[in-house]
Amino acid sequence: MSAIPSAAKALGLLANNPEVSRALLIAAQAGYWKLMAVPERYRVYVMLNYVGTPLARLLGYAPGWSGLGLDLPRGVFEQWVGWVMSTRYLFDDPLLKALPNFPNYQGAMRALCFADDPWATLPAVELLCSGFKSIEPEILTIAPSDVGAAKIGHFGFFRPEHRDTLWRGAAEWLLPPE
């Protein structure tokens, strides 16, 4: 059983990713724990290794109530922990058969990184984008003050208050004038 990657990672793993002409990555990162901001990196390390792993071994799954948000089968959780503890994240997984698909993507790519995101830091976004070897992804770091916001964080892009700023810019990039 394999862990389910985010949409950005899934794009790299898809065999037919050359059919995608444009990709906008939003707070998408390689989740190596040392690339996360302090103190979040230490919270993640402790949570995965000293809470999640023992619970997964004891119960046969990692329960969502432990801080994951959803239940994960033990094998999926352990694979994910392996990626998070690995310097190159999923790129170091010799069992991940779809990894050779990453360089096949040749469309346009823009990755949005938010200055106050403790998980998708610029180095973590750069690491994920490095897997797309056939292109040079455009990586933009956006500070909350750039869009008149107090905070954006990891999931903030999707909040309605960013409709006229972040959403508009994303839509304009995704649907350029013909």
N, C-alpha and C. Protein backbone atom coordinates (compact mmCIF):
# COMPACT_ATOMS: atom_id res chain seq x y z
N MET A 1 0.84 -1.16 0.00
CA MET A 1 0.00 0.00 0.00
C MET A 1 0.90 1.24 0.00
N SER A 2 0.56 2.23 -0.78
CA SER A 2 1.37 3.43 -0.88
C SER A 2 0.65 4.63 -0.29
N ALA A 3 1.44 5.58 0.17
CA ALA A 3 0.88 6.84 0.64
C ALA A 3 0.32 7.60 -0.55
N ILE A 4 -0.68 8.41 -0.32
CA ILE A 4 -1.29 9.18 -1.39
C ILE A 4 -0.66 10.57 -1.38
N PRO A 5 0.04 10.93 -2.45
CA PRO A 5 0.69 12.23 -2.48
C PRO A 5 -0.31 13.34 -2.78
N SER A 6 0.12 14.57 -2.51
CA SER A 6 -0.71 15.73 -2.87
C SER A 6 -0.81 15.81 -4.38
N ALA A 7 -1.68 16.68 -4.86
CA ALA A 7 -1.89 16.82 -6.30
C ALA A 7 -0.60 17.17 -7.03
N ALA A 8 0.24 18.00 -6.45
CA ALA A 8 1.49 18.39 -7.12
C ALA A 8 2.42 17.19 -7.26
N LYS A 9 2.51 16.39 -6.22
CA LYS A 9 3.35 15.20 -6.31
C LYS A 9 2.72 14.20 -7.28
N ALA A 10 1.40 14.11 -7.26
CA ALA A 10 0.71 13.21 -8.18
C ALA A 10 0.98 13.58 -9.62
N LEU A 11 1.05 14.87 -9.93
CA LEU A 11 1.36 15.30 -11.29
C LEU A 11 2.70 14.72 -11.74
N GLY A 12 3.69 14.78 -10.87
CA GLY A 12 4.99 14.22 -11.21
C GLY A 12 4.98 12.72 -11.39
N LEU A 13 4.11 12.04 -10.67
CA LEU A 13 4.06 10.58 -10.71
C LEU A 13 3.21 10.05 -11.87
N LEU A 14 2.33 10.88 -12.41
CA LEU A 14 1.43 10.42 -13.48
C LEU A 14 2.18 10.04 -14.75
N ALA A 15 1.83 8.92 -15.31
CA ALA A 15 2.45 8.49 -16.57
C ALA A 15 2.07 9.42 -17.72
N ASN A 16 0.89 10.01 -17.66
CA ASN A 16 0.43 10.88 -18.75
C ASN A 16 0.59 12.37 -18.42
N ASN A 17 1.53 12.71 -17.56
CA ASN A 17 1.67 14.13 -17.20
C ASN A 17 2.07 15.03 -18.36
N PRO A 18 2.65 14.53 -19.47
CA PRO A 18 2.90 15.41 -20.61
C PRO A 18 1.61 15.99 -21.22
N GLU A 19 0.47 15.42 -20.90
CA GLU A 19 -0.80 15.93 -21.42
C GLU A 19 -1.27 17.20 -20.69
N VAL A 20 -0.63 17.53 -19.58
CA VAL A 20 -0.98 18.72 -18.81
C VAL A 20 -0.13 19.89 -19.32
N SER A 21 -0.79 20.97 -19.74
CA SER A 21 -0.04 22.09 -20.34
C SER A 21 0.40 23.14 -19.32
N ARG A 22 -0.32 23.29 -18.21
CA ARG A 22 0.03 24.27 -17.19
C ARG A 22 -0.31 23.69 -15.82
N ALA A 23 0.55 23.96 -14.87
CA ALA A 23 0.32 23.49 -13.51
C ALA A 23 0.64 24.61 -12.53
N LEU A 24 -0.30 24.88 -11.65
CA LEU A 24 -0.11 25.85 -10.59
C LEU A 24 -0.03 25.09 -9.28
N LEU A 25 1.11 25.14 -8.63
CA LEU A 25 1.32 24.46 -7.36
C LEU A 25 1.11 25.46 -6.24
N ILE A 26 0.27 25.14 -5.31
CA ILE A 26 -0.05 26.04 -4.21
C ILE A 26 0.41 25.42 -2.90
N ALA A 27 1.44 26.01 -2.31
CA ALA A 27 2.00 25.51 -1.05
C ALA A 27 2.34 24.03 -1.15
N ALA A 28 2.82 23.61 -2.32
CA ALA A 28 3.20 22.22 -2.54
C ALA A 28 4.69 22.08 -2.25
N GLN A 29 5.03 21.07 -1.48
CA GLN A 29 6.41 20.93 -1.05
C GLN A 29 6.82 19.49 -0.91
N ALA A 30 8.13 19.29 -0.91
CA ALA A 30 8.69 18.01 -0.48
C ALA A 30 8.72 18.12 1.04
N GLY A 31 8.11 17.20 1.72
CA GLY A 31 7.89 17.33 3.16
C GLY A 31 9.01 16.85 4.05
N TYR A 32 10.25 16.98 3.62
CA TYR A 32 11.37 16.61 4.49
C TYR A 32 11.35 17.50 5.73
N TRP A 33 11.36 16.90 6.89
CA TRP A 33 11.13 17.62 8.14
C TRP A 33 12.12 18.73 8.40
N LYS A 34 13.36 18.57 7.99
CA LYS A 34 14.37 19.60 8.27
C LYS A 34 14.19 20.84 7.40
N LEU A 35 13.35 20.78 6.37
CA LEU A 35 13.09 21.95 5.54
C LEU A 35 11.91 22.77 6.06
N MET A 36 11.24 22.27 7.07
CA MET A 36 10.13 23.00 7.68
C MET A 36 10.69 24.08 8.61
N ALA A 37 9.90 25.08 8.88
CA ALA A 37 10.32 26.17 9.77
C ALA A 37 10.39 25.68 11.21
N VAL A 38 11.30 26.28 11.96
CA VAL A 38 11.39 26.03 13.40
C VAL A 38 10.28 26.86 14.06
N PRO A 39 9.54 26.36 15.01
CA PRO A 39 9.64 25.09 15.71
C PRO A 39 8.82 23.96 15.09
N GLU A 40 8.10 24.25 13.97
CA GLU A 40 7.22 23.24 13.37
C GLU A 40 7.95 21.95 13.04
N ARG A 41 9.19 22.08 12.55
CA ARG A 41 9.93 20.85 12.18
C ARG A 41 10.08 19.90 13.36
N TYR A 42 10.29 20.45 14.56
CA TYR A 42 10.46 19.60 15.73
C TYR A 42 9.14 19.00 16.18
N ARG A 43 8.07 19.76 16.05
CA ARG A 43 6.74 19.23 16.37
C ARG A 43 6.41 18.06 15.46
N VAL A 44 6.68 18.21 14.16
CA VAL A 44 6.41 17.15 13.18
C VAL A 44 7.28 15.93 13.49
N TYR A 45 8.54 16.14 13.78
CA TYR A 45 9.44 15.03 14.08
C TYR A 45 8.93 14.23 15.29
N VAL A 46 8.60 14.93 16.36
CA VAL A 46 8.11 14.26 17.57
C VAL A 46 6.78 13.58 17.30
N MET A 47 5.89 14.28 16.62
CA MET A 47 4.56 13.73 16.33
C MET A 47 4.65 12.43 15.53
N LEU A 48 5.45 12.43 14.49
CA LEU A 48 5.55 11.25 13.64
C LEU A 48 6.28 10.10 14.33
N ASN A 49 7.40 10.39 15.00
CA ASN A 49 8.24 9.34 15.54
C ASN A 49 7.86 8.86 16.94
N TYR A 50 7.32 9.76 17.76
CA TYR A 50 7.04 9.39 19.15
C TYR A 50 5.56 9.29 19.49
N VAL A 51 4.71 9.69 18.57
CA VAL A 51 3.26 9.54 18.76
C VAL A 51 2.70 8.63 17.67
N GLY A 52 2.82 9.06 16.41
CA GLY A 52 2.23 8.33 15.29
C GLY A 52 2.77 6.93 15.08
N THR A 53 4.09 6.79 15.09
CA THR A 53 4.68 5.47 14.83
C THR A 53 4.31 4.46 15.92
N PRO A 54 4.44 4.80 17.21
CA PRO A 54 4.02 3.82 18.23
C PRO A 54 2.53 3.48 18.14
N LEU A 55 1.69 4.48 17.87
CA LEU A 55 0.25 4.20 17.75
C LEU A 55 -0.03 3.31 16.55
N ALA A 56 0.64 3.57 15.43
CA ALA A 56 0.42 2.74 14.23
C ALA A 56 0.85 1.30 14.49
N ARG A 57 1.93 1.13 15.20
CA ARG A 57 2.38 -0.24 15.52
C ARG A 57 1.43 -0.93 16.49
N LEU A 58 0.94 -0.18 17.44
CA LEU A 58 0.03 -0.73 18.46
C LEU A 58 -1.34 -1.04 17.88
N LEU A 59 -1.89 -0.11 17.11
CA LEU A 59 -3.27 -0.22 16.63
C LEU A 59 -3.39 -0.81 15.22
N GLY A 60 -2.29 -0.84 14.48
CA GLY A 60 -2.35 -1.32 13.10
C GLY A 60 -2.71 -0.22 12.11
N TYR A 61 -2.89 0.99 12.61
CA TYR A 61 -3.16 2.17 11.77
C TYR A 61 -2.79 3.40 12.58
N ALA A 62 -2.60 4.51 11.89
CA ALA A 62 -2.34 5.78 12.57
C ALA A 62 -3.68 6.51 12.67
N PRO A 63 -4.20 6.70 13.87
CA PRO A 63 -5.51 7.31 14.02
C PRO A 63 -5.50 8.82 13.77
N GLY A 64 -6.53 9.29 13.11
CA GLY A 64 -6.66 10.71 12.82
C GLY A 64 -6.69 11.57 14.06
N TRP A 65 -7.24 11.06 15.15
CA TRP A 65 -7.33 11.86 16.37
C TRP A 65 -5.96 12.16 16.96
N SER A 66 -4.92 11.48 16.48
CA SER A 66 -3.57 11.71 17.01
C SER A 66 -2.93 12.96 16.43
N GLY A 67 -3.62 13.65 15.56
CA GLY A 67 -3.09 14.87 14.99
C GLY A 67 -2.96 14.84 13.48
N LEU A 68 -3.28 13.71 12.86
CA LEU A 68 -3.15 13.57 11.41
C LEU A 68 -4.38 14.08 10.66
N GLY A 69 -5.50 14.12 11.35
CA GLY A 69 -6.73 14.58 10.72
C GLY A 69 -7.56 13.45 10.13
N LEU A 70 -6.93 12.37 9.71
CA LEU A 70 -7.66 11.21 9.20
C LEU A 70 -6.88 9.95 9.51
N ASP A 71 -7.59 8.84 9.59
CA ASP A 71 -6.94 7.56 9.85
C ASP A 71 -6.12 7.14 8.63
N LEU A 72 -4.92 6.61 8.88
CA LEU A 72 -4.08 6.09 7.81
C LEU A 72 -3.69 4.65 8.12
N PRO A 73 -3.80 3.75 7.15
CA PRO A 73 -3.31 2.40 7.38
C PRO A 73 -1.83 2.42 7.76
N ARG A 74 -1.42 1.48 8.55
CA ARG A 74 -0.04 1.45 9.07
C ARG A 74 0.99 1.56 7.95
N GLY A 75 0.86 0.78 6.89
CA GLY A 75 1.84 0.80 5.81
C GLY A 75 1.94 2.15 5.12
N VAL A 76 0.80 2.79 4.92
CA VAL A 76 0.77 4.12 4.30
C VAL A 76 1.47 5.12 5.22
N PHE A 77 1.12 5.07 6.50
CA PHE A 77 1.73 5.99 7.46
C PHE A 77 3.24 5.78 7.52
N GLU A 78 3.68 4.54 7.57
CA GLU A 78 5.11 4.26 7.66
C GLU A 78 5.86 4.72 6.40
N GLN A 79 5.24 4.55 5.23
CA GLN A 79 5.88 5.04 4.01
C GLN A 79 6.01 6.56 4.06
N TRP A 80 4.97 7.22 4.48
CA TRP A 80 4.97 8.67 4.58
C TRP A 80 6.04 9.15 5.57
N VAL A 81 6.13 8.49 6.74
CA VAL A 81 7.16 8.85 7.72
C VAL A 81 8.54 8.66 7.10
N GLY A 82 8.72 7.59 6.35
CA GLY A 82 10.00 7.37 5.67
C GLY A 82 10.36 8.51 4.74
N TRP A 83 9.37 8.99 4.01
CA TRP A 83 9.62 10.13 3.11
C TRP A 83 9.97 11.39 3.92
N VAL A 84 9.20 11.67 4.96
CA VAL A 84 9.41 12.89 5.76
C VAL A 84 10.79 12.87 6.44
N MET A 85 11.29 11.71 6.78
CA MET A 85 12.60 11.60 7.43
C MET A 85 13.75 11.53 6.43
N SER A 86 13.46 11.45 5.16
CA SER A 86 14.48 11.28 4.12
C SER A 86 14.86 12.63 3.49
N THR A 87 16.13 12.88 3.36
CA THR A 87 16.65 14.16 2.86
C THR A 87 16.02 14.60 1.55
N ARG A 88 15.76 13.68 0.65
CA ARG A 88 15.17 14.04 -0.65
C ARG A 88 13.70 13.64 -0.72
N TYR A 89 13.10 13.41 0.45
CA TYR A 89 11.68 13.10 0.55
C TYR A 89 11.33 11.88 -0.30
N LEU A 90 10.28 11.91 -1.09
CA LEU A 90 9.88 10.72 -1.86
C LEU A 90 10.87 10.40 -2.98
N PHE A 91 11.74 11.36 -3.33
CA PHE A 91 12.72 11.12 -4.39
C PHE A 91 13.75 10.08 -3.98
N ASP A 92 13.85 9.77 -2.70
CA ASP A 92 14.77 8.74 -2.21
C ASP A 92 14.13 7.35 -2.12
N ASP A 93 12.87 7.22 -2.47
CA ASP A 93 12.15 5.96 -2.29
C ASP A 93 12.38 5.04 -3.50
N PRO A 94 13.23 4.01 -3.33
CA PRO A 94 13.53 3.11 -4.46
C PRO A 94 12.33 2.25 -4.88
N LEU A 95 11.31 2.17 -4.03
CA LEU A 95 10.14 1.35 -4.34
C LEU A 95 9.05 2.13 -5.07
N LEU A 96 9.21 3.42 -5.19
CA LEU A 96 8.20 4.26 -5.84
C LEU A 96 8.42 4.21 -7.35
N LYS A 97 7.73 3.29 -7.99
CA LYS A 97 7.96 2.98 -9.41
C LYS A 97 7.64 4.12 -10.37
N ALA A 98 6.81 5.06 -9.96
CA ALA A 98 6.40 6.14 -10.86
C ALA A 98 7.35 7.35 -10.84
N LEU A 99 8.39 7.31 -10.01
CA LEU A 99 9.31 8.46 -9.94
C LEU A 99 9.89 8.87 -11.29
N PRO A 100 10.20 7.94 -12.20
CA PRO A 100 10.75 8.36 -13.50
C PRO A 100 9.80 9.22 -14.33
N ASN A 101 8.55 9.34 -13.92
CA ASN A 101 7.60 10.18 -14.67
C ASN A 101 7.80 11.67 -14.41
N PHE A 102 8.41 12.04 -13.29
CA PHE A 102 8.59 13.46 -12.97
C PHE A 102 9.23 14.23 -14.13
N PRO A 103 10.37 13.78 -14.69
CA PRO A 103 11.00 14.55 -15.76
C PRO A 103 10.21 14.58 -17.07
N ASN A 104 9.17 13.78 -17.18
CA ASN A 104 8.38 13.77 -18.41
C ASN A 104 7.47 14.99 -18.53
N TYR A 105 7.18 15.64 -17.42
CA TYR A 105 6.32 16.82 -17.47
C TYR A 105 7.07 17.95 -18.17
N GLN A 106 6.42 18.57 -19.17
CA GLN A 106 7.09 19.63 -19.93
C GLN A 106 6.26 20.89 -20.06
N GLY A 107 5.16 20.98 -19.34
CA GLY A 107 4.31 22.16 -19.42
C GLY A 107 4.85 23.30 -18.59
N ALA A 108 4.12 24.39 -18.59
CA ALA A 108 4.45 25.54 -17.75
C ALA A 108 4.12 25.18 -16.30
N MET A 109 4.92 25.71 -15.39
CA MET A 109 4.67 25.44 -13.97
C MET A 109 5.01 26.68 -13.15
N ARG A 110 4.08 27.03 -12.28
CA ARG A 110 4.29 28.10 -11.31
C ARG A 110 4.00 27.51 -9.94
N ALA A 111 4.92 27.72 -9.01
CA ALA A 111 4.75 27.25 -7.64
C ALA A 111 4.65 28.45 -6.72
N LEU A 112 3.55 28.53 -5.96
CA LEU A 112 3.36 29.61 -5.00
C LEU A 112 3.82 29.15 -3.62
N CYS A 113 4.67 29.95 -3.04
CA CYS A 113 5.23 29.70 -1.72
C CYS A 113 4.83 30.89 -0.86
N PHE A 114 4.36 30.65 0.34
CA PHE A 114 3.92 31.73 1.20
C PHE A 114 4.92 31.93 2.33
N ALA A 115 5.35 33.17 2.51
CA ALA A 115 6.44 33.48 3.44
C ALA A 115 6.15 33.04 4.87
N ASP A 116 4.88 32.91 5.24
CA ASP A 116 4.53 32.52 6.61
C ASP A 116 4.06 31.07 6.71
N ASP A 117 4.36 30.27 5.71
CA ASP A 117 3.98 28.85 5.71
C ASP A 117 5.08 28.05 6.40
N PRO A 118 4.79 27.40 7.53
CA PRO A 118 5.83 26.66 8.23
C PRO A 118 6.21 25.33 7.56
N TRP A 119 5.38 24.81 6.67
CA TRP A 119 5.65 23.52 6.02
C TRP A 119 6.25 23.70 4.63
N ALA A 120 5.58 24.46 3.79
CA ALA A 120 6.05 24.65 2.41
C ALA A 120 6.97 25.86 2.35
N THR A 121 8.10 25.74 3.02
CA THR A 121 9.11 26.80 2.98
C THR A 121 9.73 26.83 1.58
N LEU A 122 10.42 27.89 1.27
CA LEU A 122 11.04 27.99 -0.06
C LEU A 122 11.94 26.80 -0.35
N PRO A 123 12.83 26.36 0.55
CA PRO A 123 13.65 25.19 0.23
C PRO A 123 12.83 23.92 -0.01
N ALA A 124 11.72 23.76 0.70
CA ALA A 124 10.87 22.58 0.52
C ALA A 124 10.15 22.63 -0.82
N VAL A 125 9.73 23.81 -1.24
CA VAL A 125 9.09 23.98 -2.55
C VAL A 125 10.13 23.74 -3.66
N GLU A 126 11.32 24.29 -3.46
CA GLU A 126 12.39 24.09 -4.45
C GLU A 126 12.75 22.61 -4.60
N LEU A 127 12.77 21.89 -3.49
CA LEU A 127 13.08 20.46 -3.56
C LEU A 127 12.02 19.72 -4.38
N LEU A 128 10.75 19.99 -4.13
CA LEU A 128 9.71 19.34 -4.92
C LEU A 128 9.86 19.69 -6.40
N CYS A 129 10.05 20.96 -6.69
CA CYS A 129 10.16 21.41 -8.08
C CYS A 129 11.39 20.83 -8.78
N SER A 130 12.41 20.49 -8.02
CA SER A 130 13.64 19.93 -8.62
C SER A 130 13.39 18.59 -9.29
N GLY A 131 12.31 17.93 -8.95
CA GLY A 131 11.98 16.66 -9.59
C GLY A 131 11.51 16.83 -11.02
N PHE A 132 11.03 18.01 -11.36
CA PHE A 132 10.55 18.31 -12.72
C PHE A 132 11.75 18.79 -13.53
N LYS A 133 12.63 17.87 -13.89
CA LYS A 133 13.92 18.19 -14.48
C LYS A 133 13.87 18.72 -15.91
N SER A 134 12.78 18.53 -16.61
CA SER A 134 12.69 18.97 -18.01
C SER A 134 12.27 20.43 -18.15
N ILE A 135 11.93 21.05 -17.05
CA ILE A 135 11.46 22.44 -17.09
C ILE A 135 12.14 23.24 -15.99
N GLU A 136 11.95 24.53 -16.03
CA GLU A 136 12.39 25.41 -14.94
C GLU A 136 11.15 26.03 -14.33
N PRO A 137 10.61 25.42 -13.28
CA PRO A 137 9.41 25.98 -12.66
C PRO A 137 9.66 27.40 -12.14
N GLU A 138 8.65 28.24 -12.27
CA GLU A 138 8.70 29.58 -11.70
C GLU A 138 8.20 29.47 -10.26
N ILE A 139 9.03 29.88 -9.32
CA ILE A 139 8.65 29.81 -7.90
C ILE A 139 8.50 31.24 -7.38
N LEU A 140 7.31 31.54 -6.88
CA LEU A 140 7.03 32.87 -6.35
C LEU A 140 6.79 32.77 -4.84
N THR A 141 7.48 33.60 -4.09
CA THR A 141 7.24 33.68 -2.65
C THR A 141 6.38 34.91 -2.39
N ILE A 142 5.25 34.69 -1.74
CA ILE A 142 4.30 35.76 -1.47
C ILE A 142 4.21 35.97 0.04
N ALA A 143 4.47 37.19 0.45
CA ALA A 143 4.31 37.56 1.87
C ALA A 143 2.87 38.03 2.09
N PRO A 144 2.33 37.82 3.27
CA PRO A 144 0.97 38.31 3.53
C PRO A 144 0.81 39.80 3.19
N SER A 145 1.81 40.60 3.50
CA SER A 145 1.73 42.04 3.23
C SER A 145 1.64 42.34 1.73
N ASP A 146 2.12 41.43 0.89
CA ASP A 146 2.04 41.62 -0.56
C ASP A 146 0.59 41.68 -1.04
N VAL A 147 -0.31 41.04 -0.29
CA VAL A 147 -1.72 40.99 -0.70
C VAL A 147 -2.63 41.63 0.35
N GLY A 148 -2.03 42.43 1.22
CA GLY A 148 -2.82 43.13 2.22
C GLY A 148 -3.45 42.24 3.27
N ALA A 149 -2.79 41.14 3.59
CA ALA A 149 -3.33 40.18 4.56
C ALA A 149 -2.45 40.13 5.81
N ALA A 150 -3.05 39.74 6.91
CA ALA A 150 -2.30 39.54 8.15
C ALA A 150 -1.55 38.22 8.12
N LYS A 151 -2.16 37.21 7.48
CA LYS A 151 -1.50 35.90 7.36
C LYS A 151 -2.08 35.15 6.17
N ILE A 152 -1.28 34.21 5.67
CA ILE A 152 -1.73 33.29 4.62
C ILE A 152 -1.53 31.87 5.14
N GLY A 153 -0.29 31.53 5.51
CA GLY A 153 0.00 30.21 6.04
C GLY A 153 -0.09 29.12 4.99
N HIS A 154 -0.22 27.87 5.44
CA HIS A 154 -0.20 26.74 4.52
C HIS A 154 -1.51 26.59 3.73
N PHE A 155 -2.64 26.74 4.37
CA PHE A 155 -3.93 26.54 3.71
C PHE A 155 -4.66 27.85 3.40
N GLY A 156 -4.07 28.98 3.76
CA GLY A 156 -4.74 30.26 3.65
C GLY A 156 -5.14 30.68 2.25
N PHE A 157 -4.39 30.26 1.25
CA PHE A 157 -4.73 30.61 -0.13
C PHE A 157 -6.20 30.32 -0.42
N PHE A 158 -6.74 29.28 0.15
CA PHE A 158 -8.08 28.80 -0.17
C PHE A 158 -9.19 29.52 0.61
N ARG A 159 -8.84 30.48 1.44
CA ARG A 159 -9.85 31.22 2.19
C ARG A 159 -10.47 32.29 1.31
N PRO A 160 -11.78 32.51 1.45
CA PRO A 160 -12.50 33.46 0.58
C PRO A 160 -11.93 34.88 0.59
N GLU A 161 -11.28 35.28 1.68
CA GLU A 161 -10.77 36.65 1.71
C GLU A 161 -9.66 36.90 0.68
N HIS A 162 -9.15 35.84 0.07
CA HIS A 162 -8.11 35.99 -0.95
C HIS A 162 -8.67 35.91 -2.38
N ARG A 163 -9.98 35.96 -2.50
CA ARG A 163 -10.66 35.87 -3.80
C ARG A 163 -10.15 36.92 -4.78
N ASP A 164 -10.02 38.16 -4.32
CA ASP A 164 -9.65 39.25 -5.22
C ASP A 164 -8.14 39.45 -5.35
N THR A 165 -7.37 38.71 -4.59
CA THR A 165 -5.91 38.87 -4.67
C THR A 165 -5.28 37.58 -5.18
N LEU A 166 -5.09 36.62 -4.30
CA LEU A 166 -4.41 35.38 -4.67
C LEU A 166 -5.18 34.59 -5.74
N TRP A 167 -6.49 34.46 -5.57
CA TRP A 167 -7.28 33.68 -6.52
C TRP A 167 -7.25 34.32 -7.90
N ARG A 168 -7.40 35.63 -7.93
CA ARG A 168 -7.43 36.33 -9.23
C ARG A 168 -6.11 36.13 -9.97
N GLY A 169 -5.00 36.32 -9.26
CA GLY A 169 -3.68 36.13 -9.89
C GLY A 169 -3.48 34.70 -10.38
N ALA A 170 -3.94 33.75 -9.60
CA ALA A 170 -3.83 32.34 -10.00
C ALA A 170 -4.65 32.06 -11.24
N ALA A 171 -5.88 32.56 -11.27
CA ALA A 171 -6.75 32.33 -12.42
C ALA A 171 -6.18 32.99 -13.67
N GLU A 172 -5.65 34.19 -13.53
CA GLU A 172 -5.06 34.87 -14.68
C GLU A 172 -3.87 34.12 -15.24
N TRP A 173 -3.08 33.51 -14.36
CA TRP A 173 -1.93 32.73 -14.84
C TRP A 173 -2.41 31.42 -15.50
N LEU A 174 -3.36 30.76 -14.88
CA LEU A 174 -3.85 29.49 -15.43
C LEU A 174 -4.55 29.66 -16.77
N LEU A 175 -5.25 30.77 -16.94
CA LEU A 175 -6.02 31.01 -18.17
C LEU A 175 -5.50 32.27 -18.86
N PRO A 176 -4.30 32.21 -19.43
CA PRO A 176 -3.75 33.41 -20.06
C PRO A 176 -4.57 33.80 -21.29
N PRO A 177 -4.55 35.10 -21.65
CA PRO A 177 -5.31 35.52 -22.83
C PRO A 177 -4.76 34.83 -24.08
N GLU A 178 -5.65 34.54 -24.99
CA GLU A 178 -5.25 33.81 -26.21
C GLU A 178 -4.71 34.75 -27.25
